[in-house]
C-alpha atoms as a PDB file:
ATOM      1  CA  UNK A   1      -7.115 -15.795 -57.842  1.00  0.00           C
ATOM      2  CA  UNK A   2      -9.796 -13.526 -56.154  1.00  0.00           C
ATOM      3  CA  UNK A   3      -9.934 -13.035 -52.333  1.00  0.00           C
ATOM      4  CA  UNK A   4     -13.005 -16.086 -52.033  1.00  0.00           C
ATOM      5  CA  UNK A   5     -11.147 -18.383 -53.812  1.00  0.00           C
ATOM      6  CA  UNK A   6      -7.718 -18.206 -52.131  1.00  0.00           C
ATOM      7  CA  UNK A   7      -9.475 -17.963 -48.638  1.00  0.00           C
ATOM      8  CA  UNK A   8     -11.161 -21.104 -49.576  1.00  0.00           C
ATOM      9  CA  UNK A   9      -8.150 -23.224 -50.689  1.00  0.00           C
ATOM     10  CA  UNK A  10      -6.860 -22.133 -47.697  1.00  0.00           C
ATOM     11  CA  UNK A  11      -9.690 -23.423 -45.514  1.00  0.00           C
ATOM     12  CA  UNK A  12      -8.829 -26.461 -46.980  1.00  0.00           C
ATOM     13  CA  UNK A  13      -5.014 -26.860 -46.478  1.00  0.00           C
ATOM     14  CA  UNK A  14      -5.511 -25.957 -42.880  1.00  0.00           C
ATOM     15  CA  UNK A  15      -8.104 -28.818 -42.400  1.00  0.00           C
ATOM     16  CA  UNK A  16      -6.599 -31.853 -45.079  1.00  0.00           C
ATOM     17  CA  UNK A  17      -2.781 -31.135 -44.368  1.00  0.00           C
ATOM     18  CA  UNK A  18      -2.500 -29.125 -41.330  1.00  0.00           C
ATOM     19  CA  UNK A  19      -5.741 -31.079 -39.435  1.00  0.00           C
ATOM     20  CA  UNK A  20      -6.225 -27.954 -37.603  1.00  0.00           C
ATOM     21  CA  UNK A  21     -10.230 -27.994 -35.889  1.00  0.00           C
ATOM     22  CA  UNK A  22     -13.140 -26.065 -37.408  1.00  0.00           C
ATOM     23  CA  UNK A  23     -12.971 -23.797 -34.639  1.00  0.00           C
ATOM     24  CA  UNK A  24      -9.325 -22.724 -35.256  1.00  0.00           C
ATOM     25  CA  UNK A  25     -10.356 -22.635 -38.982  1.00  0.00           C
ATOM     26  CA  UNK A  26     -12.909 -20.377 -38.515  1.00  0.00           C
ATOM     27  CA  UNK A  27     -10.678 -17.837 -36.327  1.00  0.00           C
ATOM     28  CA  UNK A  28      -7.961 -17.945 -38.988  1.00  0.00           C
ATOM     29  CA  UNK A  29     -10.547 -17.137 -41.802  1.00  0.00           C
ATOM     30  CA  UNK A  30     -12.286 -14.193 -39.512  1.00  0.00           C
ATOM     31  CA  UNK A  31      -9.020 -12.491 -39.561  1.00  0.00           C
ATOM     32  CA  UNK A  32      -8.731 -12.621 -43.335  1.00  0.00           C
ATOM     33  CA  UNK A  33     -12.659 -11.440 -43.738  1.00  0.00           C
ATOM     34  CA  UNK A  34     -11.294  -8.412 -41.362  1.00  0.00           C
ATOM     35  CA  UNK A  35      -8.606  -7.862 -44.190  1.00  0.00           C
ATOM     36  CA  UNK A  36     -11.149  -8.307 -47.086  1.00  0.00           C
ATOM     37  CA  UNK A  37     -14.013  -5.838 -45.185  1.00  0.00           C
ATOM     38  CA  UNK A  38     -11.303  -3.318 -44.898  1.00  0.00           C
ATOM     39  CA  UNK A  39     -10.087  -3.321 -48.234  1.00  0.00           C
ATOM     40  CA  UNK A  40     -13.824  -2.661 -49.673  1.00  0.00           C
ATOM     41  CA  UNK A  41     -14.465   0.143 -47.531  1.00  0.00           C
ATOM     42  CA  UNK A  42     -11.649   1.848 -48.746  1.00  0.00           C
ATOM     43  CA  UNK A  43     -12.420   1.121 -52.485  1.00  0.00           C
ATOM     44  CA  UNK A  44      -9.159  -1.018 -53.084  1.00  0.00           C
ATOM     45  CA  UNK A  45      -8.936  -3.756 -55.557  1.00  0.00           C
ATOM     46  CA  UNK A  46      -6.405  -5.278 -54.488  1.00  0.00           C
ATOM     47  CA  UNK A  47      -6.196  -8.757 -54.985  1.00  0.00           C
ATOM     48  CA  UNK A  48      -4.613 -11.355 -52.617  1.00  0.00           C
ATOM     49  CA  UNK A  49      -1.704 -11.779 -55.066  1.00  0.00           C
ATOM     50  CA  UNK A  50      -0.968  -8.497 -55.702  1.00  0.00           C
ATOM     51  CA  UNK A  51      -1.806  -6.219 -52.089  1.00  0.00           C
ATOM     52  CA  UNK A  52       1.346  -4.682 -50.654  1.00  0.00           C
ATOM     53  CA  UNK A  53       3.293  -4.515 -47.541  1.00  0.00           C
ATOM     54  CA  UNK A  54       1.856  -0.752 -47.179  1.00  0.00           C
ATOM     55  CA  UNK A  55      -1.915  -1.568 -47.557  1.00  0.00           C
ATOM     56  CA  UNK A  56      -1.567  -4.821 -44.926  1.00  0.00           C
ATOM     57  CA  UNK A  57       0.321  -1.672 -42.891  1.00  0.00           C
ATOM     58  CA  UNK A  58      -2.522   0.389 -42.854  1.00  0.00           C
ATOM     59  CA  UNK A  59      -4.580  -2.478 -42.219  1.00  0.00           C
ATOM     60  CA  UNK A  60      -3.033  -3.347 -39.139  1.00  0.00           C
ATOM     61  CA  UNK A  61      -2.350  -0.118 -38.050  1.00  0.00           C
ATOM     62  CA  UNK A  62      -6.179   0.458 -38.222  1.00  0.00           C
ATOM     63  CA  UNK A  63      -7.058  -2.996 -36.224  1.00  0.00           C
ATOM     64  CA  UNK A  64      -4.398  -1.529 -33.491  1.00  0.00           C
ATOM     65  CA  UNK A  65      -7.100   1.157 -32.661  1.00  0.00           C
ATOM     66  CA  UNK A  66      -9.639  -1.832 -32.214  1.00  0.00           C
ATOM     67  CA  UNK A  67      -8.076  -4.082 -30.537  1.00  0.00           C
ATOM     68  CA  UNK A  68      -5.983  -4.713 -27.380  1.00  0.00           C
ATOM     69  CA  UNK A  69      -2.394  -6.199 -28.392  1.00  0.00           C
ATOM     70  CA  UNK A  70      -2.396  -9.522 -28.066  1.00  0.00           C
ATOM     71  CA  UNK A  71      -5.260  -9.809 -30.257  1.00  0.00           C
ATOM     72  CA  UNK A  72      -3.762  -7.404 -33.038  1.00  0.00           C
ATOM     73  CA  UNK A  73      -0.704 -10.151 -32.586  1.00  0.00           C
ATOM     74  CA  UNK A  74      -3.185 -12.830 -33.092  1.00  0.00           C
ATOM     75  CA  UNK A  75      -4.244 -11.279 -36.074  1.00  0.00           C
ATOM     76  CA  UNK A  76      -0.814 -10.360 -37.451  1.00  0.00           C
ATOM     77  CA  UNK A  77      -0.024 -14.116 -37.044  1.00  0.00           C
ATOM     78  CA  UNK A  78      -2.919 -15.276 -39.028  1.00  0.00           C
ATOM     79  CA  UNK A  79      -2.491 -12.918 -41.955  1.00  0.00           C
ATOM     80  CA  UNK A  80       1.199 -14.019 -41.893  1.00  0.00           C
ATOM     81  CA  UNK A  81       0.292 -17.608 -42.075  1.00  0.00           C
ATOM     82  CA  UNK A  82      -2.885 -17.141 -45.000  1.00  0.00           C
ATOM     83  CA  UNK A  83       0.226 -15.415 -47.304  1.00  0.00           C
ATOM     84  CA  UNK A  84       3.071 -17.522 -46.573  1.00  0.00           C
ATOM     85  CA  UNK A  85       0.346 -20.457 -47.815  1.00  0.00           C
ATOM     86  CA  UNK A  86      -0.179 -18.231 -50.955  1.00  0.00           C
ATOM     87  CA  UNK A  87       3.974 -18.085 -51.428  1.00  0.00           C
ATOM     88  CA  UNK A  88       4.044 -22.050 -50.712  1.00  0.00           C
ATOM     89  CA  UNK A  89       1.933 -22.563 -53.345  1.00  0.00           C
ATOM     90  CA  UNK A  90       3.746 -19.859 -56.002  1.00  0.00           C
ATOM     91  CA  UNK A  91       0.922 -17.476 -56.312  1.00  0.00           C
ATOM     92  CA  UNK A  92       3.177 -14.899 -54.828  1.00  0.00           C
ATOM     93  CA  UNK A  93       6.338 -13.849 -54.971  1.00  0.00           C
ATOM     94  CA  UNK A  94       6.583 -12.387 -51.093  1.00  0.00           C
ATOM     95  CA  UNK A  95       5.053 -12.271 -47.844  1.00  0.00           C
ATOM     96  CA  UNK A  96       3.761  -8.918 -47.230  1.00  0.00           C
ATOM     97  CA  UNK A  97       3.624  -9.311 -43.445  1.00  0.00           C
ATOM     98  CA  UNK A  98       7.649 -10.116 -43.394  1.00  0.00           C
ATOM     99  CA  UNK A  99       8.290  -6.766 -42.157  1.00  0.00           C
ATOM    100  CA  UNK A 100       5.302  -6.166 -39.981  1.00  0.00           C
ATOM    101  CA  UNK A 101       6.234  -6.683 -36.496  1.00  0.00           C
ATOM    102  CA  UNK A 102       3.939  -8.588 -33.744  1.00  0.00           C
ATOM    103  CA  UNK A 103       3.396  -5.764 -30.778  1.00  0.00           C
ATOM    104  CA  UNK A 104       4.919  -6.916 -27.662  1.00  0.00           C
ATOM    105  CA  UNK A 105       2.698  -8.766 -25.049  1.00  0.00           C
ATOM    106  CA  UNK A 106       3.546  -9.999 -21.349  1.00  0.00           C
ATOM    107  CA  UNK A 107       2.798 -14.216 -21.283  1.00  0.00           C
ATOM    108  CA  UNK A 108      -0.674 -14.223 -19.834  1.00  0.00           C
ATOM    109  CA  UNK A 109      -1.367 -16.011 -17.029  1.00  0.00           C
ATOM    110  CA  UNK A 110      -4.263 -18.448 -16.750  1.00  0.00           C
ATOM    111  CA  UNK A 111      -7.326 -17.418 -14.755  1.00  0.00           C
ATOM    112  CA  UNK A 112      -8.015 -20.322 -11.819  1.00  0.00           C
ATOM    113  CA  UNK A 113     -10.445 -20.998  -8.773  1.00  0.00           C
ATOM    114  CA  UNK A 114      -9.638 -22.891  -5.949  1.00  0.00           C
ATOM    115  CA  UNK A 115     -11.360 -26.389  -4.950  1.00  0.00           C
ATOM    116  CA  UNK A 116     -13.610 -24.727  -1.908  1.00  0.00           C
ATOM    117  CA  UNK A 117     -15.012 -22.196  -4.975  1.00  0.00           C
ATOM    118  CA  UNK A 118     -15.399 -25.248  -7.410  1.00  0.00           C
ATOM    119  CA  UNK A 119     -17.242 -26.932  -4.307  1.00  0.00           C
ATOM    120  CA  UNK A 120     -19.495 -24.219  -4.106  1.00  0.00           C
ATOM    121  CA  UNK A 121     -20.467 -24.061  -7.966  1.00  0.00           C
ATOM    122  CA  UNK A 122     -21.201 -27.595  -7.789  1.00  0.00           C
ATOM    123  CA  UNK A 123     -23.351 -27.439  -4.789  1.00  0.00           C
ATOM    124  CA  UNK A 124     -24.939 -24.495  -6.131  1.00  0.00           C
ATOM    125  CA  UNK A 125     -26.727 -27.216  -8.741  1.00  0.00           C
ATOM    126  CA  UNK A 126     -30.209 -27.494  -8.907  1.00  0.00           C
ATOM    127  CA  UNK A 127     -30.816 -31.090  -8.451  1.00  0.00           C
ATOM    128  CA  UNK A 128     -34.459 -31.034  -8.704  1.00  0.00           C
ATOM    129  CA  UNK A 129     -34.330 -30.328 -12.070  1.00  0.00           C
ATOM    130  CA  UNK A 130     -33.544 -32.790 -14.806  1.00  0.00           C
ATOM    131  CA  UNK A 131     -30.166 -30.552 -16.176  1.00  0.00           C
ATOM    132  CA  UNK A 132     -29.048 -30.755 -12.483  1.00  0.00           C
ATOM    133  CA  UNK A 133     -27.469 -34.184 -12.687  1.00  0.00           C
ATOM    134  CA  UNK A 134     -26.274 -33.387 -16.224  1.00  0.00           C
ATOM    135  CA  UNK A 135     -24.714 -30.474 -15.120  1.00  0.00           C
ATOM    136  CA  UNK A 136     -22.952 -31.567 -12.137  1.00  0.00           C
ATOM    137  CA  UNK A 137     -21.314 -34.292 -14.091  1.00  0.00           C
ATOM    138  CA  UNK A 138     -20.424 -31.814 -16.577  1.00  0.00           C
ATOM    139  CA  UNK A 139     -18.256 -29.751 -13.883  1.00  0.00           C
ATOM    140  CA  UNK A 140     -16.874 -32.757 -12.520  1.00  0.00           C
ATOM    141  CA  UNK A 141     -15.562 -33.954 -15.742  1.00  0.00           C
ATOM    142  CA  UNK A 142     -13.895 -30.547 -16.736  1.00  0.00           C
ATOM    143  CA  UNK A 143     -12.184 -30.596 -13.581  1.00  0.00           C
ATOM    144  CA  UNK A 144     -11.375 -34.063 -13.381  1.00  0.00           C
ATOM    145  CA  UNK A 145      -9.802 -34.283 -16.691  1.00  0.00           C
ATOM    146  CA  UNK A 146      -8.727 -30.731 -17.697  1.00  0.00           C
ATOM    147  CA  UNK A 147     -10.803 -30.948 -20.774  1.00  0.00           C
ATOM    148  CA  UNK A 148     -11.046 -28.101 -23.351  1.00  0.00           C
ATOM    149  CA  UNK A 149     -15.473 -27.367 -23.813  1.00  0.00           C
ATOM    150  CA  UNK A 150     -15.334 -28.547 -27.399  1.00  0.00           C
ATOM    151  CA  UNK A 151     -13.511 -32.038 -26.117  1.00  0.00           C
ATOM    152  CA  UNK A 152     -16.248 -32.021 -23.506  1.00  0.00           C
ATOM    153  CA  UNK A 153     -19.354 -31.483 -26.116  1.00  0.00           C
ATOM    154  CA  UNK A 154     -18.046 -34.227 -28.117  1.00  0.00           C
ATOM    155  CA  UNK A 155     -17.594 -36.954 -25.719  1.00  0.00           C
ATOM    156  CA  UNK A 156     -19.338 -40.107 -26.490  1.00  0.00           C
ATOM    157  CA  UNK A 157     -20.629 -42.870 -24.403  1.00  0.00           C
ATOM    158  CA  UNK A 158     -18.005 -45.211 -26.528  1.00  0.00           C
ATOM    159  CA  UNK A 159     -15.071 -42.861 -25.063  1.00  0.00           C
ATOM    160  CA  UNK A 160     -15.658 -44.001 -21.698  1.00  0.00           C
ATOM    161  CA  UNK A 161     -13.151 -46.622 -20.254  1.00  0.00           C
ATOM    162  CA  UNK A 162     -14.457 -46.725 -16.429  1.00  0.00           C
ATOM    163  CA  UNK A 163     -13.203 -50.186 -16.128  1.00  0.00           C
ATOM    164  CA  UNK A 164      -9.683 -49.010 -17.027  1.00  0.00           C
ATOM    165  CA  UNK A 165     -10.195 -45.591 -15.135  1.00  0.00           C
ATOM    166  CA  UNK A 166      -9.900 -43.575 -18.465  1.00  0.00           C
ATOM    167  CA  UNK A 167     -11.796 -41.664 -21.134  1.00  0.00           C
ATOM    168  CA  UNK A 168     -10.757 -41.078 -24.748  1.00  0.00           C
ATOM    169  CA  UNK A 169     -10.665 -37.356 -25.534  1.00  0.00           C
ATOM    170  CA  UNK A 170     -10.572 -36.047 -29.377  1.00  0.00           C
ATOM    171  CA  UNK A 171      -8.827 -32.867 -29.033  1.00  0.00           C
ATOM    172  CA  UNK A 172      -7.309 -30.288 -31.346  1.00  0.00           C
ATOM    173  CA  UNK A 173      -6.767 -31.479 -35.325  1.00  0.00           C
ATOM    174  CA  UNK A 174      -8.871 -34.063 -34.382  1.00  0.00           C
ATOM    175  CA  UNK A 175      -5.670 -35.540 -32.255  1.00  0.00           C
ATOM    176  CA  UNK A 176      -6.771 -38.494 -29.965  1.00  0.00           C
ATOM    177  CA  UNK A 177      -5.452 -39.127 -26.306  1.00  0.00           C
ATOM    178  CA  UNK A 178      -6.377 -41.116 -23.462  1.00  0.00           C
ATOM    179  CA  UNK A 179      -6.980 -39.252 -20.004  1.00  0.00           C
ATOM    180  CA  UNK A 180      -7.451 -40.605 -16.558  1.00  0.00           C
ATOM    181  CA  UNK A 181     -10.736 -39.752 -15.143  1.00  0.00           C
ATOM    182  CA  UNK A 182     -11.329 -39.659 -10.837  1.00  0.00           C
ATOM    183  CA  UNK A 183     -14.113 -41.948  -9.646  1.00  0.00           C
ATOM    184  CA  UNK A 184     -16.089 -39.034  -8.853  1.00  0.00           C
ATOM    185  CA  UNK A 185     -16.418 -37.822 -11.908  1.00  0.00           C
ATOM    186  CA  UNK A 186     -16.960 -41.578 -12.991  1.00  0.00           C
ATOM    187  CA  UNK A 187     -19.724 -41.781 -10.182  1.00  0.00           C
ATOM    188  CA  UNK A 188     -21.458 -38.604 -11.235  1.00  0.00           C
ATOM    189  CA  UNK A 189     -21.794 -39.644 -15.220  1.00  0.00           C
ATOM    190  CA  UNK A 190     -22.790 -42.580 -14.013  1.00  0.00           C
ATOM    191  CA  UNK A 191     -25.997 -41.006 -11.957  1.00  0.00           C
ATOM    192  CA  UNK A 192     -26.493 -38.934 -15.326  1.00  0.00           C
ATOM    193  CA  UNK A 193     -26.627 -41.618 -17.594  1.00  0.00           C
ATOM    194  CA  UNK A 194     -28.862 -44.260 -15.002  1.00  0.00           C
ATOM    195  CA  UNK A 195     -31.236 -41.849 -14.286  1.00  0.00           C
ATOM    196  CA  UNK A 196     -31.544 -38.825 -16.529  1.00  0.00           C
ATOM    197  CA  UNK A 197     -29.902 -39.525 -20.298  1.00  0.00           C
ATOM    198  CA  UNK A 198     -31.838 -42.957 -20.493  1.00  0.00           C
ATOM    199  CA  UNK A 199     -35.204 -40.999 -19.820  1.00  0.00           C
ATOM    200  CA  UNK A 200     -34.009 -38.643 -23.418  1.00  0.00           C
ATOM    201  CA  UNK A 201     -35.521 -39.162 -26.836  1.00  0.00           C
ATOM    202  CA  UNK A 202     -32.311 -38.728 -28.352  1.00  0.00           C
ATOM    203  CA  UNK A 203     -31.837 -37.811 -31.750  1.00  0.00           C
ATOM    204  CA  UNK A 204     -29.950 -40.674 -34.158  1.00  0.00           C
ATOM    205  CA  UNK A 205     -27.371 -38.876 -35.130  1.00  0.00           C
ATOM    206  CA  UNK A 206     -26.239 -37.961 -31.558  1.00  0.00           C
ATOM    207  CA  UNK A 207     -26.807 -41.507 -30.047  1.00  0.00           C
ATOM    208  CA  UNK A 208     -23.456 -41.755 -29.191  1.00  0.00           C
ATOM    209  CA  UNK A 209     -22.701 -38.352 -27.608  1.00  0.00           C
ATOM    210  CA  UNK A 210     -22.703 -38.352 -23.546  1.00  0.00           C
ATOM    211  CA  UNK A 211     -24.214 -34.828 -22.625  1.00  0.00           C
ATOM    212  CA  UNK A 212     -27.606 -34.206 -24.439  1.00  0.00           C
ATOM    213  CA  UNK A 213     -29.989 -30.901 -23.768  1.00  0.00           C
ATOM    214  CA  UNK A 214     -33.599 -31.536 -22.960  1.00  0.00           C
ATOM    215  CA  UNK A 215     -34.315 -32.095 -26.978  1.00  0.00           C
ATOM    216  CA  UNK A 216     -31.769 -35.416 -27.025  1.00  0.00           C
ATOM    217  CA  UNK A 217     -29.114 -33.464 -29.089  1.00  0.00           C
ATOM    218  CA  UNK A 218     -25.276 -32.325 -28.440  1.00  0.00           C
ATOM    219  CA  UNK A 219     -24.878 -29.304 -26.231  1.00  0.00           C
ATOM    220  CA  UNK A 220     -23.494 -26.147 -27.739  1.00  0.00           C
ATOM    221  CA  UNK A 221     -20.743 -24.611 -26.366  1.00  0.00           C
ATOM    222  CA  UNK A 222     -22.601 -21.820 -25.534  1.00  0.00           C
ATOM    223  CA  UNK A 223     -24.847 -23.970 -23.413  1.00  0.00           C
ATOM    224  CA  UNK A 224     -21.651 -24.734 -21.213  1.00  0.00           C
ATOM    225  CA  UNK A 225     -20.489 -21.237 -21.077  1.00  0.00           C
ATOM    226  CA  UNK A 226     -24.167 -19.729 -20.119  1.00  0.00           C
ATOM    227  CA  UNK A 227     -24.074 -22.455 -17.080  1.00  0.00           C
ATOM    228  CA  UNK A 228     -20.998 -22.029 -15.929  1.00  0.00           C
ATOM    229  CA  UNK A 229     -21.295 -18.069 -15.868  1.00  0.00           C
ATOM    230  CA  UNK A 230     -25.418 -18.502 -13.868  1.00  0.00           C
ATOM    231  CA  UNK A 231     -23.920 -20.760 -11.403  1.00  0.00           C
ATOM    232  CA  UNK A 232     -21.018 -17.940 -11.179  1.00  0.00           C
ATOM    233  CA  UNK A 233     -23.832 -15.598  -9.873  1.00  0.00           C
ATOM    234  CA  UNK A 234     -25.753 -17.396  -7.830  1.00  0.00           C
ATOM    235  CA  UNK A 235     -22.698 -18.508  -5.677  1.00  0.00           C
ATOM    236  CA  UNK A 236     -21.474 -14.689  -5.972  1.00  0.00           C
ATOM    237  CA  UNK A 237     -18.692 -15.293  -7.241  1.00  0.00           C
ATOM    238  CA  UNK A 238     -16.399 -12.446  -8.148  1.00  0.00           C
ATOM    239  CA  UNK A 239     -14.583 -13.782 -10.745  1.00  0.00           C
ATOM    240  CA  UNK A 240     -14.748 -13.818 -14.740  1.00  0.00           C
ATOM    241  CA  UNK A 241     -14.971 -17.536 -15.184  1.00  0.00           C
ATOM    242  CA  UNK A 242     -15.641 -20.109 -17.975  1.00  0.00           C
ATOM    243  CA  UNK A 243     -14.961 -24.116 -18.918  1.00  0.00           C
ATOM    244  CA  UNK A 244     -11.320 -23.062 -19.754  1.00  0.00           C
ATOM    245  CA  UNK A 245     -11.247 -21.864 -16.080  1.00  0.00           C
ATOM    246  CA  UNK A 246     -11.637 -25.633 -14.738  1.00  0.00           C
ATOM    247  CA  UNK A 247      -8.896 -26.638 -16.980  1.00  0.00           C
ATOM    248  CA  UNK A 248      -6.548 -24.194 -15.834  1.00  0.00           C
ATOM    249  CA  UNK A 249      -7.387 -25.077 -12.282  1.00  0.00           C
ATOM    250  CA  UNK A 250      -6.962 -29.002 -13.059  1.00  0.00           C
ATOM    251  CA  UNK A 251      -3.300 -28.198 -14.686  1.00  0.00           C
ATOM    252  CA  UNK A 252      -2.366 -25.852 -11.605  1.00  0.00           C
ATOM    253  CA  UNK A 253      -3.499 -28.172  -8.456  1.00  0.00           C
ATOM    254  CA  UNK A 254      -1.727 -30.904 -10.462  1.00  0.00           C
ATOM    255  CA  UNK A 255       1.610 -29.151 -10.594  1.00  0.00           C
ATOM    256  CA  UNK A 256       0.639 -27.374  -7.029  1.00  0.00           C
ATOM    257  CA  UNK A 257       0.632 -30.950  -5.591  1.00  0.00           C
ATOM    258  CA  UNK A 258       3.406 -32.337  -7.151  1.00  0.00           C
ATOM    259  CA  UNK A 259       2.454 -33.577 -10.759  1.00  0.00           C
ATOM    260  CA  UNK A 260       5.680 -33.057 -13.595  1.00  0.00           C
ATOM    261  CA  UNK A 261       5.085 -30.805 -16.199  1.00  0.00           C
ATOM    262  CA  UNK A 262       5.512 -33.836 -18.853  1.00  0.00           C
ATOM    263  CA  UNK A 263       2.396 -35.856 -17.311  1.00  0.00           C
ATOM    264  CA  UNK A 264       0.234 -32.707 -17.097  1.00  0.00           C
ATOM    265  CA  UNK A 265       1.342 -31.827 -20.767  1.00  0.00           C
ATOM    266  CA  UNK A 266      -0.113 -35.412 -22.296  1.00  0.00           C
ATOM    267  CA  UNK A 267      -3.292 -35.075 -20.249  1.00  0.00           C
ATOM    268  CA  UNK A 268      -3.870 -31.506 -21.257  1.00  0.00           C
ATOM    269  CA  UNK A 269      -3.394 -32.706 -24.740  1.00  0.00           C
ATOM    270  CA  UNK A 270      -0.783 -29.888 -25.571  1.00  0.00           C
ATOM    271  CA  UNK A 271       1.361 -30.666 -28.460  1.00  0.00           C
ATOM    272  CA  UNK A 272       4.523 -28.161 -26.708  1.00  0.00           C
ATOM    273  CA  UNK A 273       5.299 -28.819 -23.328  1.00  0.00           C
ATOM    274  CA  UNK A 274       6.232 -24.826 -23.594  1.00  0.00           C
ATOM    275  CA  UNK A 275       2.493 -24.440 -23.748  1.00  0.00           C
ATOM    276  CA  UNK A 276       2.004 -26.646 -20.573  1.00  0.00           C
ATOM    277  CA  UNK A 277       4.903 -24.599 -18.528  1.00  0.00           C
ATOM    278  CA  UNK A 278       2.832 -21.419 -18.414  1.00  0.00           C
ATOM    279  CA  UNK A 279       1.615 -23.315 -15.248  1.00  0.00           C
ATOM    280  CA  UNK A 280       4.982 -22.955 -13.361  1.00  0.00           C
ATOM    281  CA  UNK A 281       4.169 -18.940 -13.532  1.00  0.00           C
ATOM    282  CA  UNK A 282       1.077 -19.450 -11.699  1.00  0.00           C
ATOM    283  CA  UNK A 283       2.290 -20.866  -8.378  1.00  0.00           C
ATOM    284  CA  UNK A 284       5.853 -21.255  -7.711  1.00  0.00           C
ATOM    285  CA  UNK A 285       5.213 -22.315  -3.886  1.00  0.00           C
ATOM    286  CA  UNK A 286       5.469 -25.941  -4.480  1.00  0.00           C
ATOM    287  CA  UNK A 287       8.972 -25.172  -5.995  1.00  0.00           C
ATOM    288  CA  UNK A 288      10.951 -25.253  -2.769  1.00  0.00           C
ATOM    289  CA  UNK A 289       9.819 -28.423  -2.057  1.00  0.00           C
ATOM    290  CA  UNK A 290      10.913 -29.664  -5.080  1.00  0.00           C
ATOM    291  CA  UNK A 291      14.349 -28.811  -4.118  1.00  0.00           C
ATOM    292  CA  UNK A 292      14.312 -29.880  -0.376  1.00  0.00           C
ATOM    293  CA  UNK A 293      13.550 -33.636  -1.765  1.00  0.00           C
ATOM    294  CA  UNK A 294      15.648 -34.189  -4.602  1.00  0.00           C
ATOM    295  CA  UNK A 295      18.655 -32.086  -4.600  1.00  0.00           C
ATOM    296  CA  UNK A 296      21.733 -34.211  -3.631  1.00  0.00           C
ATOM    297  CA  UNK A 297      23.151 -31.702  -0.990  1.00  0.00           C
ATOM    298  CA  UNK A 298      19.618 -31.028   0.743  1.00  0.00           C
ATOM    299  CA  UNK A 299      19.870 -30.963   4.471  1.00  0.00           C
ATOM    300  CA  UNK A 300      23.478 -30.488   4.364  1.00  0.00           C
ATOM    301  CA  UNK A 301      25.107 -27.830   6.157  1.00  0.00           C
END
């Protein structure tokens, strides 16, 4: 088994058996391609079946010069998963990553923006341009529902259940969930549909996609990133923001205003509540109020 065939079968395993998204699979594959490039530069003929712990360790050491601790930890994790798959399939006896430790990293707190900053970004949208109504609806939806950017670009007309106040979201691993959507976001989506989208010549394969470019095709992730970055520059926002910033702000504001972690977990589509718990580190000011409201000995002196 050579590297290309091992990588191909591993990607099929990630897609079919683990149900991971294309973006996640590409990220795993990219780490393996880095290792392959390292071996080629060194003239090593090691196959994935006989590469040694020492060779992998040399690669990890080399990557530590180019990447921060968080990126290095992700690369090690990706390679460990790949070789674990080869061991599981009986192609190898051992995992060369078993004795390689990931660097210690602190838990990264998500970046957020305030409601005033979100309002300023939306107010900066030029509604005189055809894409203006669409962009306003996009920002309202990102903040209203806490979507990942890929979930937003894949949102379909048939996913809108406005009578019930929900949208159906297809998340990582094609897992679906229903997320409530506020009336403000519903209003601006309906304006976009009724005044802009209905006049587009929609590509046949994208007829059910909600947010489209001027050629009637699905928006790319890069388009959303660019639009948000330009609005941040226009408003003079001195922060590096992305579509994910709206997702973080959505969760943080819900927690700050009294929502429970389990509900936030369900809306965000986190598989484990430990992922959602990171928002407990963003703002702790509400905890005193929770104690004062719910503890049985509150108010006693």
